[in-house]
């Protein structure tokens, strides 16, 4: 019995006490549920800005400032981007392919160019006589005739089907 008292006394000494008591931090049992229970409330920390801020309840946003900011963020309109120097809109319909392999005036060699001392360049330059774009009227008429052709084709095919095939109605 005396030996048992010595053993029990050993656990009460400072050097032998490793675990003070049971802790729920040990992963035993339903530790996942206990981990999700928070002991403190979630509070927002008061900053100096939050303490000094006074809400303006009667404030209405300035419409003019908002509209000018929207206009500024849009950038330049297309009429300013594509119509400076009074170039016609059809000029932009010319592609690099048209300029390189476009209408050849003759199958021979191009005209000889001469050095112009006043302009400090070769005359005539290609850029002095640029190609003109497609005429919008021509584009409209070709598309218009194309649509007429398609509508005539559809009408004739419907007529062919109704004449040659009998459907039970």
C-alpha atoms as a PDB file:
ATOM      1  CA  UNK A   1       0.000   0.000   0.000  1.00  0.00           C
ATOM      2  CA  UNK A   2       2.853   2.286   0.726  1.00  0.00           C
ATOM      3  CA  UNK A   3       4.262   1.708  -2.729  1.00  0.00           C
ATOM      4  CA  UNK A   4       0.967   2.795  -4.316  1.00  0.00           C
ATOM      5  CA  UNK A   5       0.963   6.042  -2.322  1.00  0.00           C
ATOM      6  CA  UNK A   6       4.442   6.778  -3.597  1.00  0.00           C
ATOM      7  CA  UNK A   7       3.283   6.209  -7.194  1.00  0.00           C
ATOM      8  CA  UNK A   8       0.221   8.472  -6.753  1.00  0.00           C
ATOM      9  CA  UNK A   9       2.371  11.146  -5.166  1.00  0.00           C
ATOM     10  CA  UNK A  10       4.706  10.994  -8.109  1.00  0.00           C
ATOM     11  CA  UNK A  11       1.995  12.211 -10.464  1.00  0.00           C
ATOM     12  CA  UNK A  12       1.292  15.219  -8.257  1.00  0.00           C
ATOM     13  CA  UNK A  13       4.851  16.504  -8.533  1.00  0.00           C
ATOM     14  CA  UNK A  14       5.651  19.200 -11.109  1.00  0.00           C
ATOM     15  CA  UNK A  15       8.023  17.213 -13.286  1.00  0.00           C
ATOM     16  CA  UNK A  16       5.625  14.325 -13.802  1.00  0.00           C
ATOM     17  CA  UNK A  17       2.492  16.309 -14.723  1.00  0.00           C
ATOM     18  CA  UNK A  18       2.427  16.462 -18.509  1.00  0.00           C
ATOM     19  CA  UNK A  19      -1.282  16.826 -19.214  1.00  0.00           C
ATOM     20  CA  UNK A  20      -3.156  18.959 -16.748  1.00  0.00           C
ATOM     21  CA  UNK A  21      -6.668  17.730 -17.560  1.00  0.00           C
ATOM     22  CA  UNK A  22      -8.822  16.620 -20.461  1.00  0.00           C
ATOM     23  CA  UNK A  23      -8.925  19.113 -23.331  1.00  0.00           C
ATOM     24  CA  UNK A  24     -11.458  19.164 -26.150  1.00  0.00           C
ATOM     25  CA  UNK A  25      -8.642  20.158 -28.501  1.00  0.00           C
ATOM     26  CA  UNK A  26      -7.648  16.512 -28.653  1.00  0.00           C
ATOM     27  CA  UNK A  27      -9.196  15.037 -31.795  1.00  0.00           C
ATOM     28  CA  UNK A  28     -11.486  12.493 -30.168  1.00  0.00           C
ATOM     29  CA  UNK A  29     -15.187  11.913 -30.800  1.00  0.00           C
ATOM     30  CA  UNK A  30     -17.144  14.697 -32.444  1.00  0.00           C
ATOM     31  CA  UNK A  31     -14.210  17.098 -32.736  1.00  0.00           C
ATOM     32  CA  UNK A  32     -15.377  18.467 -36.102  1.00  0.00           C
ATOM     33  CA  UNK A  33     -18.633  19.792 -34.641  1.00  0.00           C
ATOM     34  CA  UNK A  34     -16.931  21.244 -31.605  1.00  0.00           C
ATOM     35  CA  UNK A  35     -14.407  22.994 -33.802  1.00  0.00           C
ATOM     36  CA  UNK A  36     -17.145  24.859 -35.676  1.00  0.00           C
ATOM     37  CA  UNK A  37     -18.675  26.366 -32.534  1.00  0.00           C
ATOM     38  CA  UNK A  38     -17.226  29.818 -32.008  1.00  0.00           C
ATOM     39  CA  UNK A  39     -16.900  31.199 -28.548  1.00  0.00           C
ATOM     40  CA  UNK A  40     -16.628  34.870 -29.563  1.00  0.00           C
ATOM     41  CA  UNK A  41     -18.933  37.003 -31.642  1.00  0.00           C
ATOM     42  CA  UNK A  42     -17.699  38.339 -34.950  1.00  0.00           C
ATOM     43  CA  UNK A  43     -17.267  42.042 -34.341  1.00  0.00           C
ATOM     44  CA  UNK A  44     -16.158  44.643 -36.825  1.00  0.00           C
ATOM     45  CA  UNK A  45     -13.177  46.511 -35.557  1.00  0.00           C
ATOM     46  CA  UNK A  46     -13.685  50.227 -35.160  1.00  0.00           C
ATOM     47  CA  UNK A  47     -11.163  52.196 -37.145  1.00  0.00           C
ATOM     48  CA  UNK A  48     -10.567  55.914 -36.963  1.00  0.00           C
ATOM     49  CA  UNK A  49     -12.375  56.321 -40.283  1.00  0.00           C
ATOM     50  CA  UNK A  50     -15.395  54.384 -39.017  1.00  0.00           C
ATOM     51  CA  UNK A  51     -15.569  56.442 -35.831  1.00  0.00           C
ATOM     52  CA  UNK A  52     -15.198  59.810 -37.600  1.00  0.00           C
ATOM     53  CA  UNK A  53     -17.534  59.074 -40.518  1.00  0.00           C
ATOM     54  CA  UNK A  54     -20.882  60.843 -40.529  1.00  0.00           C
ATOM     55  CA  UNK A  55     -23.308  59.521 -43.159  1.00  0.00           C
ATOM     56  CA  UNK A  56     -24.850  62.141 -45.441  1.00  0.00           C
ATOM     57  CA  UNK A  57     -28.468  61.016 -45.692  1.00  0.00           C
ATOM     58  CA  UNK A  58     -29.706  64.009 -47.693  1.00  0.00           C
ATOM     59  CA  UNK A  59     -26.977  63.769 -50.360  1.00  0.00           C
ATOM     60  CA  UNK A  60     -28.061  63.281 -53.977  1.00  0.00           C
ATOM     61  CA  UNK A  61     -25.522  62.338 -56.663  1.00  0.00           C
ATOM     62  CA  UNK A  62     -24.562  64.986 -59.204  1.00  0.00           C
ATOM     63  CA  UNK A  63     -25.928  63.902 -62.582  1.00  0.00           C
ATOM     64  CA  UNK A  64     -23.780  66.262 -64.648  1.00  0.00           C
ATOM     65  CA  UNK A  65     -20.529  65.009 -63.140  1.00  0.00           C
ATOM     66  CA  UNK A  66     -21.571  61.411 -63.764  1.00  0.00           C
ATOM     67  CA  UNK A  67     -22.500  62.128 -67.407  1.00  0.00           C
ATOM     68  CA  UNK A  68     -19.222  63.917 -68.129  1.00  0.00           C
ATOM     69  CA  UNK A  69     -17.284  61.051 -66.554  1.00  0.00           C
ATOM     70  CA  UNK A  70     -19.161  58.562 -68.753  1.00  0.00           C
ATOM     71  CA  UNK A  71     -18.443  60.661 -71.846  1.00  0.00           C
ATOM     72  CA  UNK A  72     -14.772  60.889 -70.932  1.00  0.00           C
ATOM     73  CA  UNK A  73     -14.498  57.136 -70.454  1.00  0.00           C
ATOM     74  CA  UNK A  74     -16.045  56.354 -73.854  1.00  0.00           C
ATOM     75  CA  UNK A  75     -13.096  57.728 -75.823  1.00  0.00           C
ATOM     76  CA  UNK A  76     -13.219  59.333 -79.241  1.00  0.00           C
ATOM     77  CA  UNK A  77     -16.313  58.811 -81.389  1.00  0.00           C
ATOM     78  CA  UNK A  78     -15.921  56.949 -84.683  1.00  0.00           C
ATOM     79  CA  UNK A  79     -16.586  60.053 -86.763  1.00  0.00           C
ATOM     80  CA  UNK A  80     -13.436  61.624 -85.334  1.00  0.00           C
ATOM     81  CA  UNK A  81     -11.394  58.465 -85.782  1.00  0.00           C
ATOM     82  CA  UNK A  82     -12.306  57.744 -89.399  1.00  0.00           C
ATOM     83  CA  UNK A  83     -13.295  61.078 -90.921  1.00  0.00           C
ATOM     84  CA  UNK A  84     -10.339  63.325 -90.206  1.00  0.00           C
ATOM     85  CA  UNK A  85      -8.703  65.020 -93.228  1.00  0.00           C
ATOM     86  CA  UNK A  86     -12.106  64.750 -94.953  1.00  0.00           C
ATOM     87  CA  UNK A  87     -11.369  61.332 -96.431  1.00  0.00           C
ATOM     88  CA  UNK A  88     -14.499  59.609 -97.694  1.00  0.00           C
ATOM     89  CA  UNK A  89     -15.707  56.495 -95.930  1.00  0.00           C
ATOM     90  CA  UNK A  90     -15.315  54.471 -99.137  1.00  0.00           C
ATOM     91  CA  UNK A  91     -11.551  55.002 -98.895  1.00  0.00           C
ATOM     92  CA  UNK A  92     -11.455  52.541 -96.007  1.00  0.00           C
ATOM     93  CA  UNK A  93     -12.998  49.790 -98.141  1.00  0.00           C
ATOM     94  CA  UNK A  94      -9.704  49.349-100.039  1.00  0.00           C
ATOM     95  CA  UNK A  95      -7.748  46.350 -98.796  1.00  0.00           C
ATOM     96  CA  UNK A  96      -4.051  45.627 -99.050  1.00  0.00           C
ATOM     97  CA  UNK A  97      -4.871  42.894-101.562  1.00  0.00           C
ATOM     98  CA  UNK A  98      -6.622  45.462-103.776  1.00  0.00           C
ATOM     99  CA  UNK A  99      -3.622  47.759-103.621  1.00  0.00           C
ATOM    100  CA  UNK A 100      -1.088  45.011-104.322  1.00  0.00           C
ATOM    101  CA  UNK A 101      -2.896  42.879-106.907  1.00  0.00           C
ATOM    102  CA  UNK A 102      -5.650  45.266-107.916  1.00  0.00           C
ATOM    103  CA  UNK A 103      -6.574  46.493-111.372  1.00  0.00           C
ATOM    104  CA  UNK A 104      -3.497  46.441-113.569  1.00  0.00           C
ATOM    105  CA  UNK A 105      -3.610  49.184-116.183  1.00  0.00           C
ATOM    106  CA  UNK A 106      -1.269  47.319-118.480  1.00  0.00           C
ATOM    107  CA  UNK A 107       0.632  44.092-118.514  1.00  0.00           C
ATOM    108  CA  UNK A 108       3.901  45.921-119.140  1.00  0.00           C
ATOM    109  CA  UNK A 109       6.297  47.551-116.761  1.00  0.00           C
ATOM    110  CA  UNK A 110       5.160  50.426-114.562  1.00  0.00           C
ATOM    111  CA  UNK A 111       5.948  54.010-115.508  1.00  0.00           C
ATOM    112  CA  UNK A 112       9.452  55.197-114.857  1.00  0.00           C
ATOM    113  CA  UNK A 113       9.740  57.464-111.887  1.00  0.00           C
ATOM    114  CA  UNK A 114      11.926  60.500-111.755  1.00  0.00           C
ATOM    115  CA  UNK A 115      13.594  62.142-108.796  1.00  0.00           C
ATOM    116  CA  UNK A 116      11.866  65.413-107.944  1.00  0.00           C
ATOM    117  CA  UNK A 117      14.229  67.796-106.196  1.00  0.00           C
ATOM    118  CA  UNK A 118      11.511  70.055-104.785  1.00  0.00           C
ATOM    119  CA  UNK A 119       9.540  67.201-103.229  1.00  0.00           C
ATOM    120  CA  UNK A 120      12.690  65.264-102.330  1.00  0.00           C
ATOM    121  CA  UNK A 121      11.163  62.032-103.564  1.00  0.00           C
ATOM    122  CA  UNK A 122      10.352  59.865-106.546  1.00  0.00           C
ATOM    123  CA  UNK A 123       7.462  61.096-108.690  1.00  0.00           C
ATOM    124  CA  UNK A 124       4.827  59.695-109.255  1.00  0.00           C
ATOM    125  CA  UNK A 125       4.414  57.778-106.000  1.00  0.00           C
ATOM    126  CA  UNK A 126       1.722  55.178-105.472  1.00  0.00           C
ATOM    127  CA  UNK A 127       0.405  57.150-102.529  1.00  0.00           C
ATOM    128  CA  UNK A 128      -0.116  60.211-104.760  1.00  0.00           C
ATOM    129  CA  UNK A 129      -2.786  58.336-106.710  1.00  0.00           C
ATOM    130  CA  UNK A 130      -4.481  55.997-104.236  1.00  0.00           C
ATOM    131  CA  UNK A 131      -7.068  53.463-105.230  1.00  0.00           C
ATOM    132  CA  UNK A 132     -10.653  54.405-104.587  1.00  0.00           C
ATOM    133  CA  UNK A 133     -12.893  52.187-102.560  1.00  0.00           C
ATOM    134  CA  UNK A 134     -15.953  50.370-103.761  1.00  0.00           C
ATOM    135  CA  UNK A 135     -18.877  52.578-104.597  1.00  0.00           C
ATOM    136  CA  UNK A 136     -21.635  51.992-102.008  1.00  0.00           C
ATOM    137  CA  UNK A 137     -24.252  52.062-104.787  1.00  0.00           C
ATOM    138  CA  UNK A 138     -22.538  49.139-106.532  1.00  0.00           C
ATOM    139  CA  UNK A 139     -22.416  47.193-103.275  1.00  0.00           C
ATOM    140  CA  UNK A 140     -26.108  47.873-102.665  1.00  0.00           C
ATOM    141  CA  UNK A 141     -27.176  46.814-106.161  1.00  0.00           C
ATOM    142  CA  UNK A 142     -25.126  43.597-106.111  1.00  0.00           C
ATOM    143  CA  UNK A 143     -26.552  42.587-102.743  1.00  0.00           C
ATOM    144  CA  UNK A 144     -30.031  43.611-103.848  1.00  0.00           C
ATOM    145  CA  UNK A 145     -29.805  41.471-107.005  1.00  0.00           C
ATOM    146  CA  UNK A 146     -28.427  38.626-104.916  1.00  0.00           C
ATOM    147  CA  UNK A 147     -31.431  38.774-102.595  1.00  0.00           C
ATOM    148  CA  UNK A 148     -33.788  38.872-105.587  1.00  0.00           C
ATOM    149  CA  UNK A 149     -32.091  35.769-106.982  1.00  0.00           C
ATOM    150  CA  UNK A 150     -32.438  33.953-103.666  1.00  0.00           C
ATOM    151  CA  UNK A 151     -36.113  34.878-103.317  1.00  0.00           C
ATOM    152  CA  UNK A 152     -36.806  33.749-106.923  1.00  0.00           C
ATOM    153  CA  UNK A 153     -34.987  30.460-106.263  1.00  0.00           C
ATOM    154  CA  UNK A 154     -37.017  29.806-103.117  1.00  0.00           C
ATOM    155  CA  UNK A 155     -40.282  30.610-104.881  1.00  0.00           C
ATOM    156  CA  UNK A 156     -39.459  28.328-107.826  1.00  0.00           C
ATOM    157  CA  UNK A 157     -38.399  25.460-105.551  1.00  0.00           C
ATOM    158  CA  UNK A 158     -41.623  25.742-103.526  1.00  0.00           C
ATOM    159  CA  UNK A 159     -43.635  25.719-106.747  1.00  0.00           C
ATOM    160  CA  UNK A 160     -41.709  22.657-108.012  1.00  0.00           C
ATOM    161  CA  UNK A 161     -42.316  20.760-104.767  1.00  0.00           C
ATOM    162  CA  UNK A 162     -46.030  21.548-104.659  1.00  0.00           C
ATOM    163  CA  UNK A 163     -46.514  20.561-108.325  1.00  0.00           C
ATOM    164  CA  UNK A 164     -44.548  17.307-108.265  1.00  0.00           C
ATOM    165  CA  UNK A 165     -45.257  15.920-104.811  1.00  0.00           C
ATOM    166  CA  UNK A 166     -48.711  15.274-103.432  1.00  0.00           C
ATOM    167  CA  UNK A 167     -49.162  15.665 -99.717  1.00  0.00           C
ATOM    168  CA  UNK A 168     -52.015  14.206 -97.712  1.00  0.00           C
ATOM    169  CA  UNK A 169     -53.946  17.052 -96.240  1.00  0.00           C
END
